[in-house]
Amino acid sequence: MISIKTSTMEFVSLLTKVVTNVFPQAAVAGTKIPFIIYRRNTISNLNSKDSIYQSDIAFDIDIVTESYMDGLEYLDSLLDKLQRVSIDNPTYNYHITIDSVADMFDEQQELFIQRVGCTLQVSR
């Protein structure tokens, strides 16, 4: 069986190469900007008669910055790392597909958000 916990931790280690402050679901109050928030949306499994041999894990990644241009710089760095994914794990093979990219502005907190939707494919 493919470990969702291990796969998520490997994915988060990749995100920390872009920005060191990375949080699931929401950032801690008072967190220094920039930071990343990630959410796991769905998990789809492909099975054989013996076990699961592939899992597709969909994530949303929000890069939060104080300026639009800073957000674009971090976005470029993130997309580069996701497209050249290199996760050193002898048990699983990883592949990442970028599904969507969007930008937003949080008027209440005056923060810029670059959102990336992606799918992490994990197989044996």
PDB file of N, CA and C in Angstrom:
ATOM      1  N   MET A   1       0.843  -1.190   0.000  1.00  0.00           N
ATOM      2  CA  MET A   1       0.000   0.000   0.000  1.00  0.00           C
ATOM      3  C   MET A   1       0.885   1.249   0.000  1.00  0.00           C
ATOM      4  N   ILE A   2       0.460   2.247  -0.761  1.00  0.00           N
ATOM      5  CA  ILE A   2       1.191   3.501  -0.843  1.00  0.00           C
ATOM      6  C   ILE A   2       0.841   4.356   0.369  1.00  0.00           C
ATOM      7  N   SER A   3       1.857   4.879   1.035  1.00  0.00           N
ATOM      8  CA  SER A   3       1.655   5.683   2.231  1.00  0.00           C
ATOM      9  C   SER A   3       1.346   7.131   1.859  1.00  0.00           C
ATOM     10  N   ILE A   4       0.136   7.583   2.183  1.00  0.00           N
ATOM     11  CA  ILE A   4      -0.249   8.967   1.913  1.00  0.00           C
ATOM     12  C   ILE A   4       0.554   9.902   2.817  1.00  0.00           C
ATOM     13  N   LYS A   5       0.788   9.497   4.047  1.00  0.00           N
ATOM     14  CA  LYS A   5       1.563  10.326   4.971  1.00  0.00           C
ATOM     15  C   LYS A   5       2.981  10.548   4.438  1.00  0.00           C
ATOM     16  N   THR A   6       3.651   9.460   4.043  1.00  0.00           N
ATOM     17  CA  THR A   6       5.011   9.574   3.523  1.00  0.00           C
ATOM     18  C   THR A   6       5.034  10.418   2.256  1.00  0.00           C
ATOM     19  N   SER A   7       4.089  10.194   1.363  1.00  0.00           N
ATOM     20  CA  SER A   7       4.043  10.942   0.113  1.00  0.00           C
ATOM     21  C   SER A   7       3.813  12.428   0.369  1.00  0.00           C
ATOM     22  N   THR A   8       2.935  12.752   1.298  1.00  0.00           N
ATOM     23  CA  THR A   8       2.673  14.155   1.636  1.00  0.00           C
ATOM     24  C   THR A   8       3.911  14.801   2.250  1.00  0.00           C
ATOM     25  N   MET A   9       4.592  14.083   3.124  1.00  0.00           N
ATOM     26  CA  MET A   9       5.805  14.629   3.741  1.00  0.00           C
ATOM     27  C   MET A   9       6.893  14.875   2.693  1.00  0.00           C
ATOM     28  N   GLU A  10       7.027  13.982   1.728  1.00  0.00           N
ATOM     29  CA  GLU A  10       7.993  14.172   0.645  1.00  0.00           C
ATOM     30  C   GLU A  10       7.627  15.417  -0.166  1.00  0.00           C
ATOM     31  N   PHE A  11       6.334  15.593  -0.433  1.00  0.00           N
ATOM     32  CA  PHE A  11       5.849  16.745  -1.181  1.00  0.00           C
ATOM     33  C   PHE A  11       6.130  18.042  -0.424  1.00  0.00           C
ATOM     34  N   VAL A  12       5.886  18.052   0.879  1.00  0.00           N
ATOM     35  CA  VAL A  12       6.137  19.242   1.703  1.00  0.00           C
ATOM     36  C   VAL A  12       7.626  19.580   1.717  1.00  0.00           C
ATOM     37  N   SER A  13       8.482  18.575   1.743  1.00  0.00           N
ATOM     38  CA  SER A  13       9.929  18.843   1.725  1.00  0.00           C
ATOM     39  C   SER A  13      10.321  19.556   0.433  1.00  0.00           C
ATOM     40  N   LEU A  14       9.621  19.270  -0.655  1.00  0.00           N
ATOM     41  CA  LEU A  14       9.867  19.963  -1.915  1.00  0.00           C
ATOM     42  C   LEU A  14       9.420  21.427  -1.813  1.00  0.00           C
ATOM     43  N   LEU A  15       8.278  21.683  -1.167  1.00  0.00           N
ATOM     44  CA  LEU A  15       7.773  23.054  -1.011  1.00  0.00           C
ATOM     45  C   LEU A  15       8.713  23.903  -0.168  1.00  0.00           C
ATOM     46  N   THR A  16       9.351  23.306   0.829  1.00  0.00           N
ATOM     47  CA  THR A  16      10.245  24.078   1.703  1.00  0.00           C
ATOM     48  C   THR A  16      11.511  24.526   0.980  1.00  0.00           C
ATOM     49  N   LYS A  17      11.752  24.001  -0.219  1.00  0.00           N
ATOM     50  CA  LYS A  17      12.886  24.480  -1.019  1.00  0.00           C
ATOM     51  C   LYS A  17      12.569  25.816  -1.681  1.00  0.00           C
ATOM     52  N   VAL A  18      11.280  26.197  -1.695  1.00  0.00           N
ATOM     53  CA  VAL A  18      10.851  27.469  -2.269  1.00  0.00           C
ATOM     54  C   VAL A  18      10.709  28.518  -1.174  1.00  0.00           C
ATOM     55  N   VAL A  19       9.966  28.184  -0.122  1.00  0.00           N
ATOM     56  CA  VAL A  19       9.740  29.057   1.034  1.00  0.00           C
ATOM     57  C   VAL A  19       9.831  28.182   2.275  1.00  0.00           C
ATOM     58  N   THR A  20      10.530  28.635   3.307  1.00  0.00           N
ATOM     59  CA  THR A  20      10.739  27.779   4.480  1.00  0.00           C
ATOM     60  C   THR A  20       9.499  27.627   5.350  1.00  0.00           C
ATOM     61  N   ASN A  21       8.614  28.623   5.369  1.00  0.00           N
ATOM     62  CA  ASN A  21       7.399  28.526   6.182  1.00  0.00           C
ATOM     63  C   ASN A  21       6.292  27.865   5.366  1.00  0.00           C
ATOM     64  N   VAL A  22       5.998  26.597   5.671  1.00  0.00           N
ATOM     65  CA  VAL A  22       4.986  25.830   4.949  1.00  0.00           C
ATOM     66  C   VAL A  22       4.009  25.239   5.967  1.00  0.00           C
ATOM     67  N   PHE A  23       2.700  25.414   5.688  1.00  0.00           N
ATOM     68  CA  PHE A  23       1.673  24.980   6.629  1.00  0.00           C
ATOM     69  C   PHE A  23       0.565  24.212   5.918  1.00  0.00           C
ATOM     70  N   PRO A  24      -0.001  23.194   6.587  1.00  0.00           N
ATOM     71  CA  PRO A  24      -1.200  22.550   6.046  1.00  0.00           C
ATOM     72  C   PRO A  24      -2.429  23.373   6.427  1.00  0.00           C
ATOM     73  N   GLN A  25      -3.325  23.571   5.509  1.00  0.00           N
ATOM     74  CA  GLN A  25      -4.630  24.204   5.723  1.00  0.00           C
ATOM     75  C   GLN A  25      -4.589  25.702   6.031  1.00  0.00           C
ATOM     76  N   ALA A  26      -3.816  26.146   7.008  1.00  0.00           N
ATOM     77  CA  ALA A  26      -3.785  27.566   7.400  1.00  0.00           C
ATOM     78  C   ALA A  26      -2.461  27.873   8.086  1.00  0.00           C
ATOM     79  N   ALA A  27      -2.026  29.118   7.950  1.00  0.00           N
ATOM     80  CA  ALA A  27      -0.790  29.540   8.606  1.00  0.00           C
ATOM     81  C   ALA A  27      -1.072  29.938  10.049  1.00  0.00           C
ATOM     82  N   VAL A  28      -0.065  29.831  10.873  1.00  0.00           N
ATOM     83  CA  VAL A  28      -0.144  30.252  12.266  1.00  0.00           C
ATOM     84  C   VAL A  28      -0.194  31.782  12.290  1.00  0.00           C
ATOM     85  N   ALA A  29      -1.033  32.342  13.148  1.00  0.00           N
ATOM     86  CA  ALA A  29      -1.150  33.798  13.256  1.00  0.00           C
ATOM     87  C   ALA A  29       0.219  34.423  13.529  1.00  0.00           C
ATOM     88  N   GLY A  30       0.507  35.514  12.829  1.00  0.00           N
ATOM     89  CA  GLY A  30       1.765  36.210  13.025  1.00  0.00           C
ATOM     90  C   GLY A  30       2.934  35.637  12.240  1.00  0.00           C
ATOM     91  N   THR A  31       2.670  34.677  11.346  1.00  0.00           N
ATOM     92  CA  THR A  31       3.734  34.070  10.548  1.00  0.00           C
ATOM     93  C   THR A  31       4.377  35.107   9.636  1.00  0.00           C
ATOM     94  N   LYS A  32       5.692  35.063   9.572  1.00  0.00           N
ATOM     95  CA  LYS A  32       6.430  35.977   8.705  1.00  0.00           C
ATOM     96  C   LYS A  32       6.148  35.637   7.237  1.00  0.00           C
ATOM     97  N   ILE A  33       5.905  36.670   6.467  1.00  0.00           N
ATOM     98  CA  ILE A  33       5.630  36.526   5.041  1.00  0.00           C
ATOM     99  C   ILE A  33       6.966  36.540   4.310  1.00  0.00           C
ATOM    100  N   PRO A  34       7.178  35.730   3.301  1.00  0.00           N
ATOM    101  CA  PRO A  34       6.245  34.874   2.569  1.00  0.00           C
ATOM    102  C   PRO A  34       6.061  33.520   3.250  1.00  0.00           C
ATOM    103  N   PHE A  35       4.938  32.883   2.925  1.00  0.00           N
ATOM    104  CA  PHE A  35       4.707  31.517   3.392  1.00  0.00           C
ATOM    105  C   PHE A  35       3.849  30.779   2.390  1.00  0.00           C
ATOM    106  N   ILE A  36       3.802  29.462   2.556  1.00  0.00           N
ATOM    107  CA  ILE A  36       3.006  28.586   1.692  1.00  0.00           C
ATOM    108  C   ILE A  36       1.995  27.836   2.553  1.00  0.00           C
ATOM    109  N   ILE A  37       0.782  27.748   2.034  1.00  0.00           N
ATOM    110  CA  ILE A  37      -0.264  26.906   2.627  1.00  0.00           C
ATOM    111  C   ILE A  37      -0.614  25.846   1.576  1.00  0.00           C
ATOM    112  N   TYR A  38      -0.692  24.591   1.997  1.00  0.00           N
ATOM    113  CA  TYR A  38      -1.097  23.549   1.060  1.00  0.00           C
ATOM    114  C   TYR A  38      -2.306  22.809   1.615  1.00  0.00           C
ATOM    115  N   ARG A  39      -3.128  22.329   0.688  1.00  0.00           N
ATOM    116  CA  ARG A  39      -4.307  21.539   1.040  1.00  0.00           C
ATOM    117  C   ARG A  39      -4.358  20.310   0.141  1.00  0.00           C
ATOM    118  N   ARG A  40      -4.582  19.177   0.741  1.00  0.00           N
ATOM    119  CA  ARG A  40      -4.779  17.951  -0.038  1.00  0.00           C
ATOM    120  C   ARG A  40      -6.270  17.860  -0.340  1.00  0.00           C
ATOM    121  N   ASN A  41      -6.615  17.805  -1.623  1.00  0.00           N
ATOM    122  CA  ASN A  41      -8.024  17.821  -2.022  1.00  0.00           C
ATOM    123  C   ASN A  41      -8.619  16.436  -2.209  1.00  0.00           C
ATOM    124  N   THR A  42      -7.986  15.636  -3.042  1.00  0.00           N
ATOM    125  CA  THR A  42      -8.519  14.303  -3.338  1.00  0.00           C
ATOM    126  C   THR A  42      -7.390  13.291  -3.451  1.00  0.00           C
ATOM    127  N   ILE A  43      -7.766  12.044  -3.262  1.00  0.00           N
ATOM    128  CA  ILE A  43      -6.843  10.930  -3.464  1.00  0.00           C
ATOM    129  C   ILE A  43      -7.573   9.895  -4.314  1.00  0.00           C
ATOM    130  N   SER A  44      -6.957   9.521  -5.443  1.00  0.00           N
ATOM    131  CA  SER A  44      -7.515   8.486  -6.307  1.00  0.00           C
ATOM    132  C   SER A  44      -6.502   7.355  -6.375  1.00  0.00           C
ATOM    133  N   ASN A  45      -6.977   6.139  -6.174  1.00  0.00           N
ATOM    134  CA  ASN A  45      -6.085   4.978  -6.178  1.00  0.00           C
ATOM    135  C   ASN A  45      -6.371   4.064  -7.361  1.00  0.00           C
ATOM    136  N   LEU A  46      -5.317   3.515  -7.936  1.00  0.00           N
ATOM    137  CA  LEU A  46      -5.431   2.462  -8.929  1.00  0.00           C
ATOM    138  C   LEU A  46      -4.996   1.170  -8.244  1.00  0.00           C
ATOM    139  N   ASN A  47      -5.826   0.157  -8.365  1.00  0.00           N
ATOM    140  CA  ASN A  47      -5.587  -1.093  -7.651  1.00  0.00           C
ATOM    141  C   ASN A  47      -5.322  -2.245  -8.601  1.00  0.00           C
ATOM    142  N   SER A  48      -4.567  -3.200  -8.107  1.00  0.00           N
ATOM    143  CA  SER A  48      -4.456  -4.499  -8.762  1.00  0.00           C
ATOM    144  C   SER A  48      -5.118  -5.498  -7.815  1.00  0.00           C
ATOM    145  N   LYS A  49      -5.111  -6.739  -8.159  1.00  0.00           N
ATOM    146  CA  LYS A  49      -5.711  -7.732  -7.265  1.00  0.00           C
ATOM    147  C   LYS A  49      -4.931  -7.871  -5.957  1.00  0.00           C
ATOM    148  N   ASP A  50      -3.660  -7.445  -5.972  1.00  0.00           N
ATOM    149  CA  ASP A  50      -2.820  -7.594  -4.790  1.00  0.00           C
ATOM    150  C   ASP A  50      -2.793  -6.363  -3.888  1.00  0.00           C
ATOM    151  N   SER A  51      -2.777  -5.172  -4.497  1.00  0.00           N
ATOM    152  CA  SER A  51      -2.680  -3.963  -3.676  1.00  0.00           C
ATOM    153  C   SER A  51      -2.830  -2.720  -4.542  1.00  0.00           C
ATOM    154  N   ILE A  52      -2.746  -1.571  -3.895  1.00  0.00           N
ATOM    155  CA  ILE A  52      -2.734  -0.295  -4.608  1.00  0.00           C
ATOM    156  C   ILE A  52      -1.353  -0.128  -5.228  1.00  0.00           C
ATOM    157  N   TYR A  53      -1.300   0.178  -6.519  1.00  0.00           N
ATOM    158  CA  TYR A  53       0.003   0.368  -7.146  1.00  0.00           C
ATOM    159  C   TYR A  53       0.236   1.807  -7.603  1.00  0.00           C
ATOM    160  N   GLN A  54      -0.818   2.645  -7.546  1.00  0.00           N
ATOM    161  CA  GLN A  54      -0.625   4.054  -7.873  1.00  0.00           C
ATOM    162  C   GLN A  54      -1.671   4.895  -7.156  1.00  0.00           C
ATOM    163  N   SER A  55      -1.239   6.036  -6.627  1.00  0.00           N
ATOM    164  CA  SER A  55      -2.146   7.007  -6.022  1.00  0.00           C
ATOM    165  C   SER A  55      -1.914   8.362  -6.666  1.00  0.00           C
ATOM    166  N   ASP A  56      -2.996   9.029  -7.015  1.00  0.00           N
ATOM    167  CA  ASP A  56      -2.943  10.405  -7.500  1.00  0.00           C
ATOM    168  C   ASP A  56      -3.488  11.286  -6.384  1.00  0.00           C
ATOM    169  N   ILE A  57      -2.655  12.201  -5.902  1.00  0.00           N
ATOM    170  CA  ILE A  57      -3.018  13.059  -4.777  1.00  0.00           C
ATOM    171  C   ILE A  57      -3.069  14.499  -5.285  1.00  0.00           C
ATOM    172  N   ALA A  58      -4.257  15.107  -5.250  1.00  0.00           N
ATOM    173  CA  ALA A  58      -4.422  16.477  -5.738  1.00  0.00           C
ATOM    174  C   ALA A  58      -4.211  17.456  -4.592  1.00  0.00           C
ATOM    175  N   PHE A  59      -3.405  18.480  -4.855  1.00  0.00           N
ATOM    176  CA  PHE A  59      -3.090  19.517  -3.875  1.00  0.00           C
ATOM    177  C   PHE A  59      -3.398  20.898  -4.444  1.00  0.00           C
ATOM    178  N   ASP A  60      -3.775  21.826  -3.565  1.00  0.00           N
ATOM    179  CA  ASP A  60      -3.736  23.258  -3.854  1.00  0.00           C
ATOM    180  C   ASP A  60      -2.604  23.835  -3.031  1.00  0.00           C
ATOM    181  N   ILE A  61      -1.813  24.696  -3.648  1.00  0.00           N
ATOM    182  CA  ILE A  61      -0.688  25.338  -2.972  1.00  0.00           C
ATOM    183  C   ILE A  61      -0.897  26.839  -3.096  1.00  0.00           C
ATOM    184  N   ASP A  62      -0.916  27.548  -1.972  1.00  0.00           N
ATOM    185  CA  ASP A  62      -1.033  29.008  -1.972  1.00  0.00           C
ATOM    186  C   ASP A  62       0.286  29.610  -1.516  1.00  0.00           C
ATOM    187  N   ILE A  63       0.857  30.460  -2.370  1.00  0.00           N
ATOM    188  CA  ILE A  63       2.055  31.219  -2.010  1.00  0.00           C
ATOM    189  C   ILE A  63       1.567  32.604  -1.606  1.00  0.00           C
ATOM    190  N   VAL A  64       1.819  32.995  -0.371  1.00  0.00           N
ATOM    191  CA  VAL A  64       1.317  34.263   0.165  1.00  0.00           C
ATOM    192  C   VAL A  64       2.475  35.246   0.296  1.00  0.00           C
ATOM    193  N   THR A  65       2.312  36.420  -0.338  1.00  0.00           N
ATOM    194  CA  THR A  65       3.359  37.442  -0.332  1.00  0.00           C
ATOM    195  C   THR A  65       2.751  38.824  -0.120  1.00  0.00           C
ATOM    196  N   GLU A  66       3.619  39.797   0.148  1.00  0.00           N
ATOM    197  CA  GLU A  66       3.163  41.175   0.348  1.00  0.00           C
ATOM    198  C   GLU A  66       3.088  41.961  -0.954  1.00  0.00           C
ATOM    199  N   SER A  67       3.759  41.481  -2.010  1.00  0.00           N
ATOM    200  CA  SER A  67       3.672  42.178  -3.292  1.00  0.00           C
ATOM    201  C   SER A  67       3.410  41.174  -4.411  1.00  0.00           C
ATOM    202  N   TYR A  68       2.753  41.666  -5.447  1.00  0.00           N
ATOM    203  CA  TYR A  68       2.427  40.821  -6.588  1.00  0.00           C
ATOM    204  C   TYR A  68       3.695  40.293  -7.257  1.00  0.00           C
ATOM    205  N   MET A  69       4.686  41.147  -7.434  1.00  0.00           N
ATOM    206  CA  MET A  69       5.925  40.748  -8.110  1.00  0.00           C
ATOM    207  C   MET A  69       6.696  39.703  -7.295  1.00  0.00           C
ATOM    208  N   ASP A  70       6.714  39.839  -5.971  1.00  0.00           N
ATOM    209  CA  ASP A  70       7.339  38.804  -5.131  1.00  0.00           C
ATOM    210  C   ASP A  70       6.623  37.474  -5.336  1.00  0.00           C
ATOM    211  N   GLY A  71       5.301  37.527  -5.392  1.00  0.00           N
ATOM    212  CA  GLY A  71       4.523  36.310  -5.606  1.00  0.00           C
ATOM    213  C   GLY A  71       4.882  35.630  -6.910  1.00  0.00           C
ATOM    214  N   LEU A  72       5.083  36.418  -7.960  1.00  0.00           N
ATOM    215  CA  LEU A  72       5.449  35.845  -9.254  1.00  0.00           C
ATOM    216  C   LEU A  72       6.832  35.197  -9.208  1.00  0.00           C
ATOM    217  N   GLU A  73       7.756  35.812  -8.483  1.00  0.00           N
ATOM    218  CA  GLU A  73       9.095  35.214  -8.354  1.00  0.00           C
ATOM    219  C   GLU A  73       9.027  33.857  -7.650  1.00  0.00           C
ATOM    220  N   TYR A  74       8.285  33.795  -6.537  1.00  0.00           N
ATOM    221  CA  TYR A  74       8.144  32.519  -5.830  1.00  0.00           C
ATOM    222  C   TYR A  74       7.376  31.508  -6.672  1.00  0.00           C
ATOM    223  N   LEU A  75       6.395  31.987  -7.427  1.00  0.00           N
ATOM    224  CA  LEU A  75       5.639  31.099  -8.304  1.00  0.00           C
ATOM    225  C   LEU A  75       6.557  30.483  -9.352  1.00  0.00           C
ATOM    226  N   ASP A  76       7.394  31.299  -9.986  1.00  0.00           N
ATOM    227  CA  ASP A  76       8.348  30.766 -10.971  1.00  0.00           C
ATOM    228  C   ASP A  76       9.238  29.698 -10.351  1.00  0.00           C
ATOM    229  N   SER A  77       9.735  29.969  -9.161  1.00  0.00           N
ATOM    230  CA  SER A  77      10.605  29.013  -8.473  1.00  0.00           C
ATOM    231  C   SER A  77       9.852  27.717  -8.167  1.00  0.00           C
ATOM    232  N   LEU A  78       8.610  27.848  -7.683  1.00  0.00           N
ATOM    233  CA  LEU A  78       7.809  26.665  -7.360  1.00  0.00           C
ATOM    234  C   LEU A  78       7.532  25.838  -8.610  1.00  0.00           C
ATOM    235  N   LEU A  79       7.093  26.482  -9.683  1.00  0.00           N
ATOM    236  CA  LEU A  79       6.784  25.748 -10.909  1.00  0.00           C
ATOM    237  C   LEU A  79       8.019  25.033 -11.448  1.00  0.00           C
ATOM    238  N   ASP A  80       9.165  25.699 -11.365  1.00  0.00           N
ATOM    239  CA  ASP A  80      10.412  25.073 -11.805  1.00  0.00           C
ATOM    240  C   ASP A  80      10.698  23.815 -10.992  1.00  0.00           C
ATOM    241  N   LYS A  81      10.553  23.895  -9.682  1.00  0.00           N
ATOM    242  CA  LYS A  81      10.840  22.734  -8.828  1.00  0.00           C
ATOM    243  C   LYS A  81       9.817  21.613  -9.041  1.00  0.00           C
ATOM    244  N   LEU A  82       8.547  21.978  -9.210  1.00  0.00           N
ATOM    245  CA  LEU A  82       7.522  20.957  -9.418  1.00  0.00           C
ATOM    246  C   LEU A  82       7.717  20.244 -10.751  1.00  0.00           C
ATOM    247  N   GLN A  83       8.129  20.986 -11.771  1.00  0.00           N
ATOM    248  CA  GLN A  83       8.315  20.375 -13.083  1.00  0.00           C
ATOM    249  C   GLN A  83       9.578  19.534 -13.159  1.00  0.00           C
ATOM    250  N   ARG A  84      10.531  19.803 -12.291  1.00  0.00           N
ATOM    251  CA  ARG A  84      11.768  19.014 -12.251  1.00  0.00           C
ATOM    252  C   ARG A  84      11.822  18.222 -10.949  1.00  0.00           C
ATOM    253  N   VAL A  85      10.692  17.667 -10.568  1.00  0.00           N
ATOM    254  CA  VAL A  85      10.587  17.018  -9.262  1.00  0.00           C
ATOM    255  C   VAL A  85      11.700  15.998  -9.067  1.00  0.00           C
ATOM    256  N   SER A  86      12.319  16.103  -7.909  1.00  0.00           N
ATOM    257  CA  SER A  86      13.383  15.177  -7.554  1.00  0.00           C
ATOM    258  C   SER A  86      13.203  14.805  -6.091  1.00  0.00           C
ATOM    259  N   ILE A  87      12.485  13.740  -5.871  1.00  0.00           N
ATOM    260  CA  ILE A  87      12.261  13.254  -4.515  1.00  0.00           C
ATOM    261  C   ILE A  87      13.001  11.932  -4.399  1.00  0.00           C
ATOM    262  N   ASP A  88      13.954  11.894  -3.514  1.00  0.00           N
ATOM    263  CA  ASP A  88      14.803  10.717  -3.360  1.00  0.00           C
ATOM    264  C   ASP A  88      14.113   9.706  -2.447  1.00  0.00           C
ATOM    265  N   ASN A  89      13.496   8.705  -3.045  1.00  0.00           N
ATOM    266  CA  ASN A  89      12.810   7.676  -2.281  1.00  0.00           C
ATOM    267  C   ASN A  89      12.948   6.363  -3.047  1.00  0.00           C
ATOM    268  N   PRO A  90      13.592   5.360  -2.450  1.00  0.00           N
ATOM    269  CA  PRO A  90      13.812   4.102  -3.159  1.00  0.00           C
ATOM    270  C   PRO A  90      12.548   3.255  -3.344  1.00  0.00           C
ATOM    271  N   THR A  91      11.502   3.538  -2.594  1.00  0.00           N
ATOM    272  CA  THR A  91      10.294   2.720  -2.638  1.00  0.00           C
ATOM    273  C   THR A  91       9.285   3.197  -3.680  1.00  0.00           C
ATOM    274  N   TYR A  92       9.171   4.508  -3.874  1.00  0.00           N
ATOM    275  CA  TYR A  92       8.127   5.073  -4.728  1.00  0.00           C
ATOM    276  C   TYR A  92       8.716   5.913  -5.857  1.00  0.00           C
ATOM    277  N   ASN A  93       7.970   6.003  -6.941  1.00  0.00           N
ATOM    278  CA  ASN A  93       8.269   6.919  -8.040  1.00  0.00           C
ATOM    279  C   ASN A  93       7.271   8.071  -7.953  1.00  0.00           C
ATOM    280  N   TYR A  94       7.757   9.288  -8.155  1.00  0.00           N
ATOM    281  CA  TYR A  94       6.912  10.468  -8.053  1.00  0.00           C
ATOM    282  C   TYR A  94       6.885  11.216  -9.379  1.00  0.00           C
ATOM    283  N   HIS A  95       5.719  11.725  -9.725  1.00  0.00           N
ATOM    284  CA  HIS A  95       5.565  12.585 -10.894  1.00  0.00           C
ATOM    285  C   HIS A  95       4.521  13.644 -10.524  1.00  0.00           C
ATOM    286  N   ILE A  96       4.790  14.895 -10.902  1.00  0.00           N
ATOM    287  CA  ILE A  96       3.862  15.980 -10.582  1.00  0.00           C
ATOM    288  C   ILE A  96       3.361  16.619 -11.867  1.00  0.00           C
ATOM    289  N   THR A  97       2.051  16.825 -11.935  1.00  0.00           N
ATOM    290  CA  THR A  97       1.410  17.512 -13.048  1.00  0.00           C
ATOM    291  C   THR A  97       0.814  18.813 -12.527  1.00  0.00           C
ATOM    292  N   ILE A  98       1.103  19.919 -13.214  1.00  0.00           N
ATOM    293  CA  ILE A  98       0.501  21.205 -12.862  1.00  0.00           C
ATOM    294  C   ILE A  98      -0.866  21.249 -13.523  1.00  0.00           C
ATOM    295  N   ASP A  99      -1.928  21.439 -12.724  1.00  0.00           N
ATOM    296  CA  ASP A  99      -3.291  21.455 -13.241  1.00  0.00           C
ATOM    297  C   ASP A  99      -3.819  22.865 -13.477  1.00  0.00           C
ATOM    298  N   SER A 100      -3.427  23.823 -12.625  1.00  0.00           N
ATOM    299  CA  SER A 100      -3.927  25.194 -12.777  1.00  0.00           C
ATOM    300  C   SER A 100      -3.025  26.166 -12.023  1.00  0.00           C
ATOM    301  N   VAL A 101      -3.074  27.423 -12.455  1.00  0.00           N
ATOM    302  CA  VAL A 101      -2.354  28.508 -11.785  1.00  0.00           C
ATOM    303  C   VAL A 101      -3.273  29.726 -11.806  1.00  0.00           C
ATOM    304  N   ALA A 102      -3.417  30.379 -10.651  1.00  0.00           N
ATOM    305  CA  ALA A 102      -4.267  31.571 -10.560  1.00  0.00           C
ATOM    306  C   ALA A 102      -3.684  32.532  -9.542  1.00  0.00           C
ATOM    307  N   ASP A 103      -4.056  33.808  -9.673  1.00  0.00           N
ATOM    308  CA  ASP A 103      -3.631  34.769  -8.654  1.00  0.00           C
ATOM    309  C   ASP A 103      -4.848  35.429  -8.026  1.00  0.00           C
ATOM    310  N   MET A 104      -4.678  35.841  -6.768  1.00  0.00           N
ATOM    311  CA  MET A 104      -5.759  36.450  -5.992  1.00  0.00           C
ATOM    312  C   MET A 104      -5.186  37.547  -5.111  1.00  0.00           C
ATOM    313  N   PHE A 105      -6.075  38.384  -4.601  1.00  0.00           N
ATOM    314  CA  PHE A 105      -5.678  39.411  -3.651  1.00  0.00           C
ATOM    315  C   PHE A 105      -6.634  39.360  -2.467  1.00  0.00           C
ATOM    316  N   ASP A 106      -6.083  39.226  -1.261  1.00  0.00           N
ATOM    317  CA  ASP A 106      -6.879  39.235  -0.036  1.00  0.00           C
ATOM    318  C   ASP A 106      -6.966  40.688   0.425  1.00  0.00           C
ATOM    319  N   GLU A 107      -8.108  41.323   0.143  1.00  0.00           N
ATOM    320  CA  GLU A 107      -8.273  42.748   0.464  1.00  0.00           C
ATOM    321  C   GLU A 107      -8.241  43.026   1.954  1.00  0.00           C
ATOM    322  N   GLN A 108      -8.781  42.113   2.738  1.00  0.00           N
ATOM    323  CA  GLN A 108      -8.834  42.307   4.184  1.00  0.00           C
ATOM    324  C   GLN A 108      -7.431  42.353   4.793  1.00  0.00           C
ATOM    325  N   GLN A 109      -6.564  41.436   4.365  1.00  0.00           N
ATOM    326  CA  GLN A 109      -5.214  41.373   4.924  1.00  0.00           C
ATOM    327  C   GLN A 109      -4.167  42.029   4.023  1.00  0.00           C
ATOM    328  N   GLU A 110      -4.594  42.486   2.840  1.00  0.00           N
ATOM    329  CA  GLU A 110      -3.705  43.115   1.865  1.00  0.00           C
ATOM    330  C   GLU A 110      -2.513  42.226   1.512  1.00  0.00           C
ATOM    331  N   LEU A 111      -2.841  41.001   1.138  1.00  0.00           N
ATOM    332  CA  LEU A 111      -1.824  40.020   0.748  1.00  0.00           C
ATOM    333  C   LEU A 111      -2.131  39.480  -0.635  1.00  0.00           C
ATOM    334  N   PHE A 112      -1.083  39.160  -1.366  1.00  0.00           N
ATOM    335  CA  PHE A 112      -1.211  38.565  -2.690  1.00  0.00           C
ATOM    336  C   PHE A 112      -1.030  37.063  -2.568  1.00  0.00           C
ATOM    337  N   ILE A 113      -1.831  36.323  -3.333  1.00  0.00           N
ATOM    338  CA  ILE A 113      -1.797  34.860  -3.280  1.00  0.00           C
ATOM    339  C   ILE A 113      -1.650  34.318  -4.700  1.00  0.00           C
ATOM    340  N   GLN A 114      -0.666  33.464  -4.880  1.00  0.00           N
ATOM    341  CA  GLN A 114      -0.502  32.716  -6.126  1.00  0.00           C
ATOM    342  C   GLN A 114      -0.919  31.277  -5.814  1.00  0.00           C
ATOM    343  N   ARG A 115      -1.972  30.793  -6.478  1.00  0.00           N
ATOM    344  CA  ARG A 115      -2.474  29.437  -6.211  1.00  0.00           C
ATOM    345  C   ARG A 115      -2.107  28.499  -7.349  1.00  0.00           C
ATOM    346  N   VAL A 116      -1.538  27.366  -6.975  1.00  0.00           N
ATOM    347  CA  VAL A 116      -1.177  26.320  -7.940  1.00  0.00           C
ATOM    348  C   VAL A 116      -1.962  25.062  -7.565  1.00  0.00           C
ATOM    349  N   GLY A 117      -2.678  24.521  -8.537  1.00  0.00           N
ATOM    350  CA  GLY A 117      -3.312  23.228  -8.369  1.00  0.00           C
ATOM    351  C   GLY A 117      -2.442  22.192  -9.056  1.00  0.00           C
ATOM    352  N   CYS A 118      -2.128  21.121  -8.367  1.00  0.00           N
ATOM    353  CA  CYS A 118      -1.267  20.100  -8.967  1.00  0.00           C
ATOM    354  C   CYS A 118      -1.659  18.713  -8.475  1.00  0.00           C
ATOM    355  N   THR A 119      -1.189  17.726  -9.207  1.00  0.00           N
ATOM    356  CA  THR A 119      -1.435  16.331  -8.841  1.00  0.00           C
ATOM    357  C   THR A 119      -0.101  15.631  -8.672  1.00  0.00           C
ATOM    358  N   LEU A 120       0.071  15.016  -7.518  1.00  0.00           N
ATOM    359  CA  LEU A 120       1.249  14.208  -7.225  1.00  0.00           C
ATOM    360  C   LEU A 120       0.873  12.754  -7.520  1.00  0.00           C
ATOM    361  N   GLN A 121       1.550  12.164  -8.492  1.00  0.00           N
ATOM    362  CA  GLN A 121       1.323  10.768  -8.834  1.00  0.00           C
ATOM    363  C   GLN A 121       2.413   9.933  -8.164  1.00  0.00           C
ATOM    364  N   VAL A 122       1.976   8.990  -7.350  1.00  0.00           N
ATOM    365  CA  VAL A 122       2.906   8.140  -6.611  1.00  0.00           C
ATOM    366  C   VAL A 122       2.669   6.698  -7.065  1.00  0.00           C
ATOM    367  N   SER A 123       3.749   6.051  -7.483  1.00  0.00           N
ATOM    368  CA  SER A 123       3.609   4.654  -7.917  1.00  0.00           C
ATOM    369  C   SER A 123       4.778   3.833  -7.417  1.00  0.00           C
ATOM    370  N   ARG A 124       4.587   2.529  -7.446  1.00  0.00           N
ATOM    371  CA  ARG A 124       5.651   1.603  -7.045  1.00  0.00           C
ATOM    372  C   ARG A 124       6.456   1.174  -8.241  1.00  0.00           C
TER     373      ARG A 124
END
